[in-house]
Structures are given as C-alpha cells and as structure tokens.
C-alpha cells in the first residue's frame, strides 16, 4: 500500500497551503511583536509596513477560489471574473512588495 493518500492531498491542496501560509504568518507576527515589545527602541516603526502589506496580500489571495478565477462559479457584480483576476493581481502585488521591502530592510540595515 501507499503511505500517503495522494488523492486526498490533491483534493485539499488549497486548504493545506492556506493553513500553512496562515501558520507562517502567525509565527512571523509573533516574532515581530515580541521584538517590538522587548526592544522597541531599536525596532524602526517603518518595519511594520512589510508585515501589514504582507498580511493584506495574504487575505486578498486566500479570499479567491480557483473556480472564481476560472469563471466556473457565478460571481455577481459589475466586473465578474475580470474583477476577481484584478483582485488577485493586487493581492500578489501586496505580497511581493512586502517581500521586496523586507529584503531591502534586511540587506540595507542588517547585512
């Protein structure tokens, strides 16, 4: 027999990846709040913006299902599937902008 049921993994791939992303973000916020609370004098206030935009992007990307992107489900509103795709683009822009900003802070201030 197989050790891992690959059918179950493929059916629940989106849910598993959403849970994993949420756990990583929770750990990241926990560490950031801990650093800010323990040694707030050396933690620049602008550093919080990367986490905020990353969290906004996380919610934007995870709010859209695959069927909405493909146009399989009924999406009420003026824009429909095109609006959903625009929403995803802005969600990914938020995520990548926060990643680039965090990398800039890392290499500019700490390396």
C-alpha atoms as a PDB file:
ATOM      1  CA  UNK A   1       0.000   0.000   0.000  1.00  0.00           C
ATOM      2  CA  UNK A   2       0.841   3.658  -0.168  1.00  0.00           C
ATOM      3  CA  UNK A   3       1.884   5.578   2.918  1.00  0.00           C
ATOM      4  CA  UNK A   4       0.369   8.868   1.754  1.00  0.00           C
ATOM      5  CA  UNK A   5      -3.025   9.171   0.102  1.00  0.00           C
ATOM      6  CA  UNK A   6      -2.157  11.428  -2.833  1.00  0.00           C
ATOM      7  CA  UNK A   7      -5.795  11.756  -3.902  1.00  0.00           C
ATOM      8  CA  UNK A   8      -6.669  13.367  -0.591  1.00  0.00           C
ATOM      9  CA  UNK A   9      -3.660  15.702  -0.824  1.00  0.00           C
ATOM     10  CA  UNK A  10      -4.531  16.814  -4.346  1.00  0.00           C
ATOM     11  CA  UNK A  11      -8.176  17.450  -3.404  1.00  0.00           C
ATOM     12  CA  UNK A  12      -7.244  19.516  -0.343  1.00  0.00           C
ATOM     13  CA  UNK A  13      -4.145  21.237  -1.714  1.00  0.00           C
ATOM     14  CA  UNK A  14      -5.565  24.763  -1.442  1.00  0.00           C
ATOM     15  CA  UNK A  15      -6.799  24.282   2.105  1.00  0.00           C
ATOM     16  CA  UNK A  16      -3.491  22.803   3.240  1.00  0.00           C
ATOM     17  CA  UNK A  17      -1.441  25.575   1.639  1.00  0.00           C
ATOM     18  CA  UNK A  18      -3.735  28.251   3.114  1.00  0.00           C
ATOM     19  CA  UNK A  19      -3.348  26.775   6.582  1.00  0.00           C
ATOM     20  CA  UNK A  20       0.437  26.544   6.179  1.00  0.00           C
ATOM     21  CA  UNK A  21       0.646  30.164   4.979  1.00  0.00           C
ATOM     22  CA  UNK A  22      -1.510  31.308   7.882  1.00  0.00           C
ATOM     23  CA  UNK A  23       0.708  29.478  10.363  1.00  0.00           C
ATOM     24  CA  UNK A  24       3.853  31.036   8.897  1.00  0.00           C
ATOM     25  CA  UNK A  25       2.297  34.499   9.053  1.00  0.00           C
ATOM     26  CA  UNK A  26       1.194  33.942  12.661  1.00  0.00           C
ATOM     27  CA  UNK A  27       4.729  32.912  13.619  1.00  0.00           C
ATOM     28  CA  UNK A  28       6.148  35.935  11.784  1.00  0.00           C
ATOM     29  CA  UNK A  29       3.786  38.333  13.561  1.00  0.00           C
ATOM     30  CA  UNK A  30       4.527  36.664  16.898  1.00  0.00           C
ATOM     31  CA  UNK A  31       8.253  37.215  16.441  1.00  0.00           C
ATOM     32  CA  UNK A  32       7.806  40.801  15.182  1.00  0.00           C
ATOM     33  CA  UNK A  33       5.550  41.760  18.094  1.00  0.00           C
ATOM     34  CA  UNK A  34       7.950  40.102  20.525  1.00  0.00           C
ATOM     35  CA  UNK A  35      10.914  42.051  19.145  1.00  0.00           C
ATOM     36  CA  UNK A  36       8.931  45.285  19.148  1.00  0.00           C
ATOM     37  CA  UNK A  37       7.776  44.762  22.726  1.00  0.00           C
ATOM     38  CA  UNK A  38      11.139  43.740  24.164  1.00  0.00           C
ATOM     39  CA  UNK A  39      13.405  46.195  22.362  1.00  0.00           C
ATOM     40  CA  UNK A  40      11.216  48.821  20.737  1.00  0.00           C
ATOM     41  CA  UNK A  41      13.929  51.488  20.682  1.00  0.00           C
ATOM     42  CA  UNK A  42      15.980  49.678  18.011  1.00  0.00           C
ATOM     43  CA  UNK A  43      12.992  48.437  16.011  1.00  0.00           C
ATOM     44  CA  UNK A  44      12.121  51.095  13.437  1.00  0.00           C
ATOM     45  CA  UNK A  45       8.407  51.847  13.076  1.00  0.00           C
ATOM     46  CA  UNK A  46       8.633  51.582   9.272  1.00  0.00           C
ATOM     47  CA  UNK A  47       9.478  47.889   9.576  1.00  0.00           C
ATOM     48  CA  UNK A  48       5.859  47.150  10.475  1.00  0.00           C
ATOM     49  CA  UNK A  49       4.699  48.130   6.976  1.00  0.00           C
ATOM     50  CA  UNK A  50       6.149  44.969   5.401  1.00  0.00           C
ATOM     51  CA  UNK A  51       4.119  42.769   7.718  1.00  0.00           C
ATOM     52  CA  UNK A  52       0.968  44.810   7.246  1.00  0.00           C
ATOM     53  CA  UNK A  53       1.117  44.702   3.442  1.00  0.00           C
ATOM     54  CA  UNK A  54       2.034  41.018   3.503  1.00  0.00           C
ATOM     55  CA  UNK A  55      -0.974  40.278   5.698  1.00  0.00           C
ATOM     56  CA  UNK A  56      -3.304  42.290   3.454  1.00  0.00           C
ATOM     57  CA  UNK A  57      -1.967  40.373   0.448  1.00  0.00           C
ATOM     58  CA  UNK A  58      -2.445  37.059   2.279  1.00  0.00           C
ATOM     59  CA  UNK A  59      -6.104  37.839   2.899  1.00  0.00           C
ATOM     60  CA  UNK A  60      -6.632  39.088  -0.658  1.00  0.00           C
ATOM     61  CA  UNK A  61      -5.132  35.991  -2.278  1.00  0.00           C
ATOM     62  CA  UNK A  62      -6.856  33.498   0.028  1.00  0.00           C
ATOM     63  CA  UNK A  63     -10.262  35.166  -0.417  1.00  0.00           C
ATOM     64  CA  UNK A  64     -10.496  33.962  -4.043  1.00  0.00           C
ATOM     65  CA  UNK A  65     -11.240  30.376  -5.058  1.00  0.00           C
ATOM     66  CA  UNK A  66      -9.970  28.652  -8.176  1.00  0.00           C
ATOM     67  CA  UNK A  67     -13.489  28.379  -9.604  1.00  0.00           C
ATOM     68  CA  UNK A  68     -13.893  32.156  -9.360  1.00  0.00           C
ATOM     69  CA  UNK A  69     -10.629  32.655 -11.242  1.00  0.00           C
ATOM     70  CA  UNK A  70     -11.605  30.223 -13.988  1.00  0.00           C
ATOM     71  CA  UNK A  71     -15.099  31.653 -14.272  1.00  0.00           C
ATOM     72  CA  UNK A  72     -16.821  28.383 -13.316  1.00  0.00           C
ATOM     73  CA  UNK A  73     -18.826  29.906 -10.480  1.00  0.00           C
ATOM     74  CA  UNK A  74     -21.376  32.673 -10.556  1.00  0.00           C
ATOM     75  CA  UNK A  75     -19.712  35.919  -9.490  1.00  0.00           C
ATOM     76  CA  UNK A  76     -22.188  38.752  -9.000  1.00  0.00           C
ATOM     77  CA  UNK A  77     -21.026  42.283  -9.550  1.00  0.00           C
ATOM     78  CA  UNK A  78     -20.049  44.629 -12.310  1.00  0.00           C
ATOM     79  CA  UNK A  79     -16.685  43.047 -13.122  1.00  0.00           C
ATOM     80  CA  UNK A  80     -17.260  39.307 -12.577  1.00  0.00           C
ATOM     81  CA  UNK A  81     -14.260  37.126 -13.399  1.00  0.00           C
ATOM     82  CA  UNK A  82     -12.199  40.087 -14.604  1.00  0.00           C
ATOM     83  CA  UNK A  83     -12.675  41.774 -11.227  1.00  0.00           C
ATOM     84  CA  UNK A  84     -11.586  38.608  -9.454  1.00  0.00           C
ATOM     85  CA  UNK A  85      -8.422  38.451 -11.544  1.00  0.00           C
ATOM     86  CA  UNK A  86      -7.664  42.121 -10.894  1.00  0.00           C
ATOM     87  CA  UNK A  87      -8.170  41.476  -7.171  1.00  0.00           C
ATOM     88  CA  UNK A  88      -5.653  38.607  -7.360  1.00  0.00           C
ATOM     89  CA  UNK A  89      -3.105  40.765  -9.170  1.00  0.00           C
ATOM     90  CA  UNK A  90      -3.316  43.412  -6.453  1.00  0.00           C
ATOM     91  CA  UNK A  91      -3.064  40.705  -3.788  1.00  0.00           C
ATOM     92  CA  UNK A  92       0.107  39.325  -5.348  1.00  0.00           C
ATOM     93  CA  UNK A  93       1.457  42.870  -5.722  1.00  0.00           C
ATOM     94  CA  UNK A  94       0.981  43.422  -1.989  1.00  0.00           C
ATOM     95  CA  UNK A  95       2.723  40.151  -1.156  1.00  0.00           C
ATOM     96  CA  UNK A  96       5.669  40.700  -3.483  1.00  0.00           C
ATOM     97  CA  UNK A  97       6.037  44.357  -2.487  1.00  0.00           C
ATOM     98  CA  UNK A  98       6.254  43.349   1.167  1.00  0.00           C
ATOM     99  CA  UNK A  99       8.799  40.654   0.316  1.00  0.00           C
ATOM    100  CA  UNK A 100      10.936  43.103  -1.664  1.00  0.00           C
ATOM    101  CA  UNK A 101      10.621  45.718   1.087  1.00  0.00           C
ATOM    102  CA  UNK A 102      11.599  43.200   3.763  1.00  0.00           C
ATOM    103  CA  UNK A 103      14.611  42.124   1.684  1.00  0.00           C
ATOM    104  CA  UNK A 104      15.617  45.772   1.242  1.00  0.00           C
ATOM    105  CA  UNK A 105      15.389  46.325   5.008  1.00  0.00           C
ATOM    106  CA  UNK A 106      17.342  43.149   5.707  1.00  0.00           C
ATOM    107  CA  UNK A 107      20.234  43.927   3.384  1.00  0.00           C
ATOM    108  CA  UNK A 108      20.172  47.693   3.909  1.00  0.00           C
ATOM    109  CA  UNK A 109      20.148  47.737   7.694  1.00  0.00           C
ATOM    110  CA  UNK A 110      21.451  44.390   8.887  1.00  0.00           C
ATOM    111  CA  UNK A 111      23.860  42.959   6.312  1.00  0.00           C
END
